[in-house]
Amino acid sequence: MKLGVGLPTFLGNVVSASDVLDWARVADDAGFHSVAVHDKPYHDTWEPLAALAAVAAVTKRVRLVTGALLLPTRDEALVAKQAAVIDQVSDGRLDLGVALGARAEDFELFGRSMKGRGATFERQVQRLLDLWAAAQETRETGAEPGPASVQEPHVKLWIGGYTDEAITRAVKYGDGYIFGAPGVAALAARIPLIREAARAAGRDDFPVQGLAYILPSEDPEELAEGERLLTRYYKHLHKPYPELVHQGSAEQLIAKLKEYETTGIDVLNVIPVARTMGPLERLAADVLPAFR
């Protein structure tokens, strides 16, 4: 299992631009596999593609993950162009994770309807693939909308969700499957279904990645601050905070993350629930080496 790390863009106005870019640089230098960003449009969360465009310019090797962009709220032709530009700036490091979305306010913000969003999503994904293919075919002439991505045949496309339909879509259209942060039990239950569907489609190499909230600390004040920050993001926590965020010593966190490893997940992007660099630096020094 490769270990990535989330950027603090979900904290919106609580963090500064310099904090986010420094976080990305530290993660890149430390050797994390990827950096991931959230998408929650009706919030002060950073817009994910704009965030990754900035991060692409200040990093050298780390993969850049949207986890996940709510595609039916966006114009897919614009997403195709934005993603290709990020892939160019990053020299082929974008992992575009896309999903349906489930919050009405996110759709209303963009003047979009949630009705029929499954069919809309499939149409949009197919159009992304068609636009990217056309851009590659006309790389020299520019006769079709572009630019072309560095990655071939297109930007790596990860499709997510929690339903059987999401698995079907991912295997049909995607290069991999992406989860949110459902926890070990949900991953253990769903990943075998994804592997089975991929094998049935002749896709033995079909990677899976996901997210997990984490806070490498035993300090009561730091833990309380983490709870405030996550509550700010979600407004109402759907589980008790200690069940949502893995916290404690490096040894405790390594043991918990090893449980994720047993699910067969390929990449786990851990998201420090913090706005200062200390927890990220502790993850890099004390936890990351166990997953190299």
C-alpha atoms as a PDB file:
ATOM      1  CA  MET A   1       0.000   0.000   0.000  1.00  0.00           C
ATOM      2  CA  LYS A   2       1.313   3.428  -0.975  1.00  0.00           C
ATOM      3  CA  LEU A   3       0.681   6.331   1.368  1.00  0.00           C
ATOM      4  CA  GLY A   4      -0.462   9.705   0.126  1.00  0.00           C
ATOM      5  CA  VAL A   5      -1.529  12.731   2.125  1.00  0.00           C
ATOM      6  CA  GLY A   6      -4.409  15.191   1.935  1.00  0.00           C
ATOM      7  CA  LEU A   7      -3.879  18.916   1.539  1.00  0.00           C
ATOM      8  CA  PRO A   8      -5.640  21.287   3.976  1.00  0.00           C
ATOM      9  CA  THR A   9      -7.709  22.881   1.198  1.00  0.00           C
ATOM     10  CA  PHE A  10     -10.889  21.559   2.868  1.00  0.00           C
ATOM     11  CA  LEU A  11     -10.300  24.108   5.636  1.00  0.00           C
ATOM     12  CA  GLY A  12     -10.970  27.005   3.285  1.00  0.00           C
ATOM     13  CA  ASN A  13     -10.451  30.380   4.919  1.00  0.00           C
ATOM     14  CA  VAL A  14      -8.770  28.800   7.946  1.00  0.00           C
ATOM     15  CA  VAL A  15      -5.571  28.219   5.954  1.00  0.00           C
ATOM     16  CA  SER A  16      -3.555  30.578   3.800  1.00  0.00           C
ATOM     17  CA  ALA A  17      -2.353  29.975   0.267  1.00  0.00           C
ATOM     18  CA  SER A  18       1.240  29.883   1.468  1.00  0.00           C
ATOM     19  CA  ASP A  19       0.299  27.200   4.027  1.00  0.00           C
ATOM     20  CA  VAL A  20      -1.245  24.998   1.330  1.00  0.00           C
ATOM     21  CA  LEU A  21       1.714  25.372  -1.030  1.00  0.00           C
ATOM     22  CA  ASP A  22       4.243  24.753   1.759  1.00  0.00           C
ATOM     23  CA  TRP A  23       2.248  21.642   2.766  1.00  0.00           C
ATOM     24  CA  ALA A  24       2.458  20.359  -0.810  1.00  0.00           C
ATOM     25  CA  ARG A  25       6.199  21.013  -1.006  1.00  0.00           C
ATOM     26  CA  VAL A  26       6.846  19.179   2.259  1.00  0.00           C
ATOM     27  CA  ALA A  27       4.747  16.211   1.142  1.00  0.00           C
ATOM     28  CA  ASP A  28       6.570  16.103  -2.178  1.00  0.00           C
ATOM     29  CA  ASP A  29      10.007  16.228  -0.571  1.00  0.00           C
ATOM     30  CA  ALA A  30       9.090  13.700   2.141  1.00  0.00           C
ATOM     31  CA  GLY A  31       8.230  10.976  -0.367  1.00  0.00           C
ATOM     32  CA  PHE A  32       4.457  10.654  -0.081  1.00  0.00           C
ATOM     33  CA  HIS A  33       2.963   8.977  -3.142  1.00  0.00           C
ATOM     34  CA  SER A  34       0.275  11.617  -3.703  1.00  0.00           C
ATOM     35  CA  VAL A  35      -1.450  14.728  -2.446  1.00  0.00           C
ATOM     36  CA  ALA A  36      -5.252  14.809  -2.494  1.00  0.00           C
ATOM     37  CA  VAL A  37      -7.857  17.572  -2.397  1.00  0.00           C
ATOM     38  CA  HIS A  38     -11.557  17.580  -1.486  1.00  0.00           C
ATOM     39  CA  ASP A  39     -14.496  18.928  -3.451  1.00  0.00           C
ATOM     40  CA  LYS A  40     -17.362  20.555  -1.572  1.00  0.00           C
ATOM     41  CA  PRO A  41     -18.632  23.424  -3.735  1.00  0.00           C
ATOM     42  CA  TYR A  42     -21.136  24.933  -1.270  1.00  0.00           C
ATOM     43  CA  HIS A  43     -18.409  25.648   1.260  1.00  0.00           C
ATOM     44  CA  ASP A  44     -15.204  27.667   1.448  1.00  0.00           C
ATOM     45  CA  THR A  45     -13.233  24.559   0.452  1.00  0.00           C
ATOM     46  CA  TRP A  46     -10.764  25.360  -2.320  1.00  0.00           C
ATOM     47  CA  GLU A  47     -11.906  24.501  -5.832  1.00  0.00           C
ATOM     48  CA  PRO A  48      -9.975  21.281  -6.493  1.00  0.00           C
ATOM     49  CA  LEU A  49      -8.705  21.843 -10.026  1.00  0.00           C
ATOM     50  CA  ALA A  50      -7.617  25.404  -9.274  1.00  0.00           C
ATOM     51  CA  ALA A  51      -5.844  24.113  -6.158  1.00  0.00           C
ATOM     52  CA  LEU A  52      -4.005  21.374  -8.044  1.00  0.00           C
ATOM     53  CA  ALA A  53      -2.979  23.786 -10.798  1.00  0.00           C
ATOM     54  CA  ALA A  54      -1.164  25.822  -8.150  1.00  0.00           C
ATOM     55  CA  VAL A  55       0.272  22.743  -6.447  1.00  0.00           C
ATOM     56  CA  ALA A  56       1.489  21.314  -9.766  1.00  0.00           C
ATOM     57  CA  ALA A  57       3.795  24.286 -10.184  1.00  0.00           C
ATOM     58  CA  VAL A  58       5.527  23.875  -6.801  1.00  0.00           C
ATOM     59  CA  THR A  59       5.961  20.069  -6.733  1.00  0.00           C
ATOM     60  CA  LYS A  60       8.114  17.693  -8.765  1.00  0.00           C
ATOM     61  CA  ARG A  61       7.110  14.057  -8.286  1.00  0.00           C
ATOM     62  CA  VAL A  62       4.013  13.589  -6.133  1.00  0.00           C
ATOM     63  CA  ARG A  63       0.741  12.461  -7.808  1.00  0.00           C
ATOM     64  CA  LEU A  64      -2.078  15.058  -7.756  1.00  0.00           C
ATOM     65  CA  VAL A  65      -5.481  13.605  -6.795  1.00  0.00           C
ATOM     66  CA  THR A  66      -9.009  15.006  -6.829  1.00  0.00           C
ATOM     67  CA  GLY A  67     -10.840  12.951  -4.244  1.00  0.00           C
ATOM     68  CA  ALA A  68     -13.323  13.364  -5.842  1.00  0.00           C
ATOM     69  CA  LEU A  69     -14.548  16.088  -8.220  1.00  0.00           C
ATOM     70  CA  LEU A  70     -18.367  16.185  -8.355  1.00  0.00           C
ATOM     71  CA  LEU A  71     -18.588  15.935 -12.123  1.00  0.00           C
ATOM     72  CA  PRO A  72     -22.365  16.478 -12.641  1.00  0.00           C
ATOM     73  CA  THR A  73     -22.054  19.933 -11.056  1.00  0.00           C
ATOM     74  CA  ARG A  74     -19.491  20.988 -13.693  1.00  0.00           C
ATOM     75  CA  ASP A  75     -19.229  21.467 -17.430  1.00  0.00           C
ATOM     76  CA  GLU A  76     -17.302  18.437 -18.635  1.00  0.00           C
ATOM     77  CA  ALA A  77     -15.682  20.226 -21.605  1.00  0.00           C
ATOM     78  CA  LEU A  78     -14.173  22.782 -19.211  1.00  0.00           C
ATOM     79  CA  VAL A  79     -13.071  19.987 -16.855  1.00  0.00           C
ATOM     80  CA  ALA A  80     -11.396  18.216 -19.797  1.00  0.00           C
ATOM     81  CA  LYS A  81      -9.381  21.324 -20.635  1.00  0.00           C
ATOM     82  CA  GLN A  82      -8.524  22.160 -17.017  1.00  0.00           C
ATOM     83  CA  ALA A  83      -7.392  18.611 -16.318  1.00  0.00           C
ATOM     84  CA  ALA A  84      -5.200  18.540 -19.416  1.00  0.00           C
ATOM     85  CA  VAL A  85      -3.539  21.818 -18.439  1.00  0.00           C
ATOM     86  CA  ILE A  86      -2.802  20.517 -14.915  1.00  0.00           C
ATOM     87  CA  ASP A  87      -1.385  17.350 -16.473  1.00  0.00           C
ATOM     88  CA  GLN A  88       0.866  19.480 -18.684  1.00  0.00           C
ATOM     89  CA  VAL A  89       2.047  21.702 -15.827  1.00  0.00           C
ATOM     90  CA  SER A  90       2.747  18.664 -13.633  1.00  0.00           C
ATOM     91  CA  ASP A  91       4.388  16.643 -16.423  1.00  0.00           C
ATOM     92  CA  GLY A  92       1.751  13.919 -16.278  1.00  0.00           C
ATOM     93  CA  ARG A  93       0.964  13.602 -12.563  1.00  0.00           C
ATOM     94  CA  LEU A  94      -2.804  14.167 -12.409  1.00  0.00           C
ATOM     95  CA  ASP A  95      -5.184  11.508 -11.056  1.00  0.00           C
ATOM     96  CA  LEU A  96      -8.646  12.904 -11.805  1.00  0.00           C
ATOM     97  CA  GLY A  97     -11.083  11.309  -9.380  1.00  0.00           C
ATOM     98  CA  VAL A  98     -14.742  11.968 -10.234  1.00  0.00           C
ATOM     99  CA  ALA A  99     -18.007  11.053  -8.534  1.00  0.00           C
ATOM    100  CA  LEU A 100     -21.726  11.837  -8.630  1.00  0.00           C
ATOM    101  CA  GLY A 101     -22.212  14.036  -5.567  1.00  0.00           C
ATOM    102  CA  ALA A 102     -25.098  13.799  -3.109  1.00  0.00           C
ATOM    103  CA  ARG A 103     -25.681  17.287  -1.627  1.00  0.00           C
ATOM    104  CA  ALA A 104     -28.422  19.353  -3.225  1.00  0.00           C
ATOM    105  CA  GLU A 105     -26.750  22.650  -2.312  1.00  0.00           C
ATOM    106  CA  ASP A 106     -23.656  21.746  -4.358  1.00  0.00           C
ATOM    107  CA  PHE A 107     -25.812  21.351  -7.468  1.00  0.00           C
ATOM    108  CA  GLU A 108     -27.871  24.457  -6.775  1.00  0.00           C
ATOM    109  CA  LEU A 109     -24.716  26.565  -6.518  1.00  0.00           C
ATOM    110  CA  PHE A 110     -23.903  25.788 -10.152  1.00  0.00           C
ATOM    111  CA  GLY A 111     -27.514  25.915 -11.326  1.00  0.00           C
ATOM    112  CA  ARG A 112     -27.560  22.175 -11.934  1.00  0.00           C
ATOM    113  CA  SER A 113     -30.242  19.589 -11.259  1.00  0.00           C
ATOM    114  CA  MET A 114     -29.611  16.408  -9.275  1.00  0.00           C
ATOM    115  CA  LYS A 115     -32.332  14.629 -11.239  1.00  0.00           C
ATOM    116  CA  GLY A 116     -30.904  11.919 -13.480  1.00  0.00           C
ATOM    117  CA  ARG A 117     -27.360  12.646 -12.355  1.00  0.00           C
ATOM    118  CA  GLY A 118     -26.305   9.023 -12.894  1.00  0.00           C
ATOM    119  CA  ALA A 119     -27.111   9.198 -16.606  1.00  0.00           C
ATOM    120  CA  THR A 120     -25.595  12.686 -16.768  1.00  0.00           C
ATOM    121  CA  PHE A 121     -22.409  11.406 -15.165  1.00  0.00           C
ATOM    122  CA  GLU A 122     -22.001   8.573 -17.673  1.00  0.00           C
ATOM    123  CA  ARG A 123     -22.548  10.937 -20.590  1.00  0.00           C
ATOM    124  CA  GLN A 124     -20.008  13.365 -19.139  1.00  0.00           C
ATOM    125  CA  VAL A 125     -17.368  10.704 -18.558  1.00  0.00           C
ATOM    126  CA  GLN A 126     -17.721   9.439 -22.102  1.00  0.00           C
ATOM    127  CA  ARG A 127     -17.365  12.990 -23.397  1.00  0.00           C
ATOM    128  CA  LEU A 128     -14.224  13.517 -21.304  1.00  0.00           C
ATOM    129  CA  LEU A 129     -12.705  10.447 -22.920  1.00  0.00           C
ATOM    130  CA  ASP A 130     -13.784  11.561 -26.400  1.00  0.00           C
ATOM    131  CA  LEU A 131     -12.388  15.070 -25.948  1.00  0.00           C
ATOM    132  CA  TRP A 132      -9.086  13.788 -24.604  1.00  0.00           C
ATOM    133  CA  ALA A 133      -8.786  11.294 -27.470  1.00  0.00           C
ATOM    134  CA  ALA A 134      -9.460  13.997 -30.049  1.00  0.00           C
ATOM    135  CA  ALA A 135      -6.880  16.272 -28.409  1.00  0.00           C
ATOM    136  CA  GLN A 136      -4.241  13.528 -28.658  1.00  0.00           C
ATOM    137  CA  GLU A 137      -5.085  12.772 -32.289  1.00  0.00           C
ATOM    138  CA  THR A 138      -4.788  16.439 -33.257  1.00  0.00           C
ATOM    139  CA  ARG A 139      -1.866  17.314 -31.018  1.00  0.00           C
ATOM    140  CA  GLU A 140       0.110  18.807 -33.904  1.00  0.00           C
ATOM    141  CA  THR A 141      -2.701  20.565 -35.758  1.00  0.00           C
ATOM    142  CA  GLY A 142      -4.841  21.753 -32.831  1.00  0.00           C
ATOM    143  CA  ALA A 143      -7.894  21.011 -34.953  1.00  0.00           C
ATOM    144  CA  GLU A 144      -9.882  19.744 -31.948  1.00  0.00           C
ATOM    145  CA  PRO A 145     -10.299  21.174 -28.421  1.00  0.00           C
ATOM    146  CA  GLY A 146      -7.231  20.606 -26.303  1.00  0.00           C
ATOM    147  CA  PRO A 147      -4.571  20.757 -25.086  1.00  0.00           C
ATOM    148  CA  ALA A 148      -3.487  17.135 -25.096  1.00  0.00           C
ATOM    149  CA  SER A 149      -2.432  15.633 -21.791  1.00  0.00           C
ATOM    150  CA  VAL A 150       1.085  14.396 -21.121  1.00  0.00           C
ATOM    151  CA  GLN A 151      -0.293  11.063 -19.940  1.00  0.00           C
ATOM    152  CA  GLU A 152      -1.413   8.784 -22.735  1.00  0.00           C
ATOM    153  CA  PRO A 153      -3.967   7.983 -23.891  1.00  0.00           C
ATOM    154  CA  HIS A 154      -5.427  10.518 -21.431  1.00  0.00           C
ATOM    155  CA  VAL A 155      -5.342  11.842 -17.883  1.00  0.00           C
ATOM    156  CA  LYS A 156      -5.700   8.992 -15.381  1.00  0.00           C
ATOM    157  CA  LEU A 157      -9.413   8.796 -14.585  1.00  0.00           C
ATOM    158  CA  TRP A 158     -10.588   7.406 -11.247  1.00  0.00           C
ATOM    159  CA  ILE A 159     -14.296   6.860 -10.678  1.00  0.00           C
ATOM    160  CA  GLY A 160     -15.825   6.651  -7.207  1.00  0.00           C
ATOM    161  CA  GLY A 161     -18.949   6.006  -5.212  1.00  0.00           C
ATOM    162  CA  TYR A 162     -20.419   3.422  -2.875  1.00  0.00           C
ATOM    163  CA  THR A 163     -22.970   1.625  -5.049  1.00  0.00           C
ATOM    164  CA  ASP A 164     -22.843  -1.336  -7.389  1.00  0.00           C
ATOM    165  CA  GLU A 165     -23.540   1.103 -10.229  1.00  0.00           C
ATOM    166  CA  ALA A 166     -20.392   3.011  -9.302  1.00  0.00           C
ATOM    167  CA  ILE A 167     -18.332  -0.150  -9.654  1.00  0.00           C
ATOM    168  CA  THR A 168     -19.868  -0.852 -13.060  1.00  0.00           C
ATOM    169  CA  ARG A 169     -19.100   2.682 -14.238  1.00  0.00           C
ATOM    170  CA  ALA A 170     -15.555   2.586 -12.905  1.00  0.00           C
ATOM    171  CA  VAL A 171     -14.700  -0.672 -14.645  1.00  0.00           C
ATOM    172  CA  LYS A 172     -16.315   0.495 -17.896  1.00  0.00           C
ATOM    173  CA  TYR A 173     -14.855   4.000 -18.098  1.00  0.00           C
ATOM    174  CA  GLY A 174     -12.120   4.448 -15.518  1.00  0.00           C
ATOM    175  CA  ASP A 175      -8.479   3.646 -14.934  1.00  0.00           C
ATOM    176  CA  GLY A 176      -9.148   2.918 -11.261  1.00  0.00           C
ATOM    177  CA  TYR A 177     -11.628   3.201  -8.397  1.00  0.00           C
ATOM    178  CA  ILE A 178     -11.571   5.926  -5.754  1.00  0.00           C
ATOM    179  CA  PHE A 179     -13.279   5.924  -2.350  1.00  0.00           C
ATOM    180  CA  GLY A 180     -13.905   8.720   0.092  1.00  0.00           C
ATOM    181  CA  ALA A 181     -13.154   7.916   3.726  1.00  0.00           C
ATOM    182  CA  PRO A 182     -15.534   5.045   4.604  1.00  0.00           C
ATOM    183  CA  GLY A 183     -13.221   3.207   7.004  1.00  0.00           C
ATOM    184  CA  VAL A 184     -11.611  -0.216   7.033  1.00  0.00           C
ATOM    185  CA  ALA A 185     -14.769  -2.316   7.261  1.00  0.00           C
ATOM    186  CA  ALA A 186     -16.407  -0.708   4.238  1.00  0.00           C
ATOM    187  CA  LEU A 187     -13.248  -1.030   2.174  1.00  0.00           C
ATOM    188  CA  ALA A 188     -12.863  -4.674   3.148  1.00  0.00           C
ATOM    189  CA  ALA A 189     -16.436  -5.325   2.023  1.00  0.00           C
ATOM    190  CA  ARG A 190     -16.327  -3.393  -1.258  1.00  0.00           C
ATOM    191  CA  ILE A 191     -12.836  -3.916  -2.657  1.00  0.00           C
ATOM    192  CA  PRO A 192     -13.356  -7.652  -3.408  1.00  0.00           C
ATOM    193  CA  LEU A 193     -16.445  -6.689  -5.425  1.00  0.00           C
ATOM    194  CA  ILE A 194     -14.394  -4.164  -7.398  1.00  0.00           C
ATOM    195  CA  ARG A 195     -11.655  -6.716  -8.050  1.00  0.00           C
ATOM    196  CA  GLU A 196     -14.205  -9.295  -9.167  1.00  0.00           C
ATOM    197  CA  ALA A 197     -15.909  -6.875 -11.563  1.00  0.00           C
ATOM    198  CA  ALA A 198     -12.571  -5.776 -12.996  1.00  0.00           C
ATOM    199  CA  ARG A 199     -11.414  -9.352 -13.572  1.00  0.00           C
ATOM    200  CA  ALA A 200     -14.714 -10.191 -15.271  1.00  0.00           C
ATOM    201  CA  ALA A 201     -14.058  -7.299 -17.646  1.00  0.00           C
ATOM    202  CA  GLY A 202     -10.540  -8.542 -18.360  1.00  0.00           C
ATOM    203  CA  ARG A 203      -8.936  -5.828 -16.278  1.00  0.00           C
ATOM    204  CA  ASP A 204      -6.641  -7.596 -13.846  1.00  0.00           C
ATOM    205  CA  ASP A 205      -4.643  -4.424 -13.167  1.00  0.00           C
ATOM    206  CA  PHE A 206      -7.302  -2.091 -11.764  1.00  0.00           C
ATOM    207  CA  PRO A 207      -6.051  -0.005  -8.832  1.00  0.00           C
ATOM    208  CA  VAL A 208      -8.096   1.267  -5.899  1.00  0.00           C
ATOM    209  CA  GLN A 209      -7.404   4.283  -3.726  1.00  0.00           C
ATOM    210  CA  GLY A 210      -9.182   6.080  -0.926  1.00  0.00           C
ATOM    211  CA  LEU A 211      -8.982   8.570   1.918  1.00  0.00           C
ATOM    212  CA  ALA A 212      -8.734   8.438   5.706  1.00  0.00           C
ATOM    213  CA  TYR A 213      -8.697  11.221   8.294  1.00  0.00           C
ATOM    214  CA  ILE A 214      -5.769  11.147  10.675  1.00  0.00           C
ATOM    215  CA  LEU A 215      -4.113  13.165  13.427  1.00  0.00           C
ATOM    216  CA  PRO A 216      -0.728  12.010  14.745  1.00  0.00           C
ATOM    217  CA  SER A 217      -1.061  13.496  18.210  1.00  0.00           C
ATOM    218  CA  GLU A 218      -1.818  12.674  21.818  1.00  0.00           C
ATOM    219  CA  ASP A 219      -2.036  16.311  22.865  1.00  0.00           C
ATOM    220  CA  PRO A 220      -5.550  17.157  24.158  1.00  0.00           C
ATOM    221  CA  GLU A 221      -5.512  20.674  22.744  1.00  0.00           C
ATOM    222  CA  GLU A 222      -4.410  19.490  19.307  1.00  0.00           C
ATOM    223  CA  LEU A 223      -7.039  16.735  19.296  1.00  0.00           C
ATOM    224  CA  ALA A 224      -9.755  19.201  20.314  1.00  0.00           C
ATOM    225  CA  GLU A 225      -8.662  21.562  17.553  1.00  0.00           C
ATOM    226  CA  GLY A 226      -8.912  18.676  15.071  1.00  0.00           C
ATOM    227  CA  GLU A 227     -12.489  18.012  16.117  1.00  0.00           C
ATOM    228  CA  ARG A 228     -13.374  21.686  15.689  1.00  0.00           C
ATOM    229  CA  LEU A 229     -11.869  21.749  12.215  1.00  0.00           C
ATOM    230  CA  LEU A 230     -13.634  18.607  11.019  1.00  0.00           C
ATOM    231  CA  THR A 231     -16.949  19.788  12.468  1.00  0.00           C
ATOM    232  CA  ARG A 232     -16.461  23.078  10.638  1.00  0.00           C
ATOM    233  CA  TYR A 233     -16.138  21.141   7.387  1.00  0.00           C
ATOM    234  CA  TYR A 234     -19.013  18.693   7.857  1.00  0.00           C
ATOM    235  CA  LYS A 235     -21.234  20.789  10.172  1.00  0.00           C
ATOM    236  CA  HIS A 236     -22.690  17.543  11.543  1.00  0.00           C
ATOM    237  CA  LEU A 237     -20.411  14.522  12.026  1.00  0.00           C
ATOM    238  CA  HIS A 238     -22.137  11.318  10.918  1.00  0.00           C
ATOM    239  CA  LYS A 239     -20.037   9.304  13.382  1.00  0.00           C
ATOM    240  CA  PRO A 240     -18.383  10.160  16.697  1.00  0.00           C
ATOM    241  CA  TYR A 241     -15.191  12.094  16.010  1.00  0.00           C
ATOM    242  CA  PRO A 242     -12.839   9.355  17.362  1.00  0.00           C
ATOM    243  CA  GLU A 243     -14.369   6.932  14.848  1.00  0.00           C
ATOM    244  CA  LEU A 244     -13.839   9.332  11.958  1.00  0.00           C
ATOM    245  CA  VAL A 245     -10.264  10.369  12.723  1.00  0.00           C
ATOM    246  CA  HIS A 246      -7.433   7.958  13.491  1.00  0.00           C
ATOM    247  CA  GLN A 247      -5.348   9.598  16.192  1.00  0.00           C
ATOM    248  CA  GLY A 248      -2.644   8.766  18.669  1.00  0.00           C
ATOM    249  CA  SER A 249       1.020   7.828  18.627  1.00  0.00           C
ATOM    250  CA  ALA A 250       2.990   6.842  15.540  1.00  0.00           C
ATOM    251  CA  GLU A 251       2.857   3.204  16.642  1.00  0.00           C
ATOM    252  CA  GLN A 252      -0.921   3.320  17.033  1.00  0.00           C
ATOM    253  CA  LEU A 253      -1.366   4.944  13.641  1.00  0.00           C
ATOM    254  CA  ILE A 254       0.917   2.491  11.866  1.00  0.00           C
ATOM    255  CA  ALA A 255      -1.083  -0.377  13.353  1.00  0.00           C
ATOM    256  CA  LYS A 256      -4.361   1.197  12.182  1.00  0.00           C
ATOM    257  CA  LEU A 257      -3.049   1.880   8.694  1.00  0.00           C
ATOM    258  CA  LYS A 258      -1.809  -1.705   8.453  1.00  0.00           C
ATOM    259  CA  GLU A 259      -5.483  -2.694   8.813  1.00  0.00           C
ATOM    260  CA  TYR A 260      -6.201  -0.668   5.677  1.00  0.00           C
ATOM    261  CA  GLU A 261      -3.378  -2.496   3.936  1.00  0.00           C
ATOM    262  CA  THR A 262      -5.120  -5.841   4.560  1.00  0.00           C
ATOM    263  CA  THR A 263      -8.149  -4.657   2.530  1.00  0.00           C
ATOM    264  CA  GLY A 264      -6.050  -4.692  -0.642  1.00  0.00           C
ATOM    265  CA  ILE A 265      -6.248  -0.960  -1.259  1.00  0.00           C
ATOM    266  CA  ASP A 266      -3.374   0.297  -3.414  1.00  0.00           C
ATOM    267  CA  VAL A 267      -3.145   3.943  -2.303  1.00  0.00           C
ATOM    268  CA  LEU A 268      -4.412   5.483   0.930  1.00  0.00           C
ATOM    269  CA  ASN A 269      -4.383   9.274   1.145  1.00  0.00           C
ATOM    270  CA  VAL A 270      -4.362  10.201   4.828  1.00  0.00           C
ATOM    271  CA  ILE A 271      -5.750  13.638   5.624  1.00  0.00           C
ATOM    272  CA  PRO A 272      -4.311  15.362   8.696  1.00  0.00           C
ATOM    273  CA  VAL A 273      -7.100  17.236  10.480  1.00  0.00           C
ATOM    274  CA  ALA A 274      -4.847  20.181  11.230  1.00  0.00           C
ATOM    275  CA  ARG A 275      -3.922  23.587   9.891  1.00  0.00           C
ATOM    276  CA  THR A 276      -0.297  23.637  11.043  1.00  0.00           C
ATOM    277  CA  MET A 277       2.635  21.741   9.588  1.00  0.00           C
ATOM    278  CA  GLY A 278       3.500  19.773  12.744  1.00  0.00           C
ATOM    279  CA  PRO A 279       1.180  16.790  12.164  1.00  0.00           C
ATOM    280  CA  LEU A 280       2.302  16.480   8.536  1.00  0.00           C
ATOM    281  CA  GLU A 281       5.948  16.509   9.580  1.00  0.00           C
ATOM    282  CA  ARG A 282       5.277  13.830  12.215  1.00  0.00           C
ATOM    283  CA  LEU A 283       3.523  11.676   9.628  1.00  0.00           C
ATOM    284  CA  ALA A 284       6.466  12.043   7.274  1.00  0.00           C
ATOM    285  CA  ALA A 285       9.068  11.243   9.905  1.00  0.00           C
ATOM    286  CA  ASP A 286       7.338   8.550  11.987  1.00  0.00           C
ATOM    287  CA  VAL A 287       4.593   6.898   9.886  1.00  0.00           C
ATOM    288  CA  LEU A 288       5.502   7.133   6.210  1.00  0.00           C
ATOM    289  CA  PRO A 289       8.674   4.975   6.489  1.00  0.00           C
ATOM    290  CA  ALA A 290       6.498   1.974   7.453  1.00  0.00           C
ATOM    291  CA  PHE A 291       4.820   2.134   4.022  1.00  0.00           C
ATOM    292  CA  ARG A 292       7.744   2.710   1.687  1.00  0.00           C
END
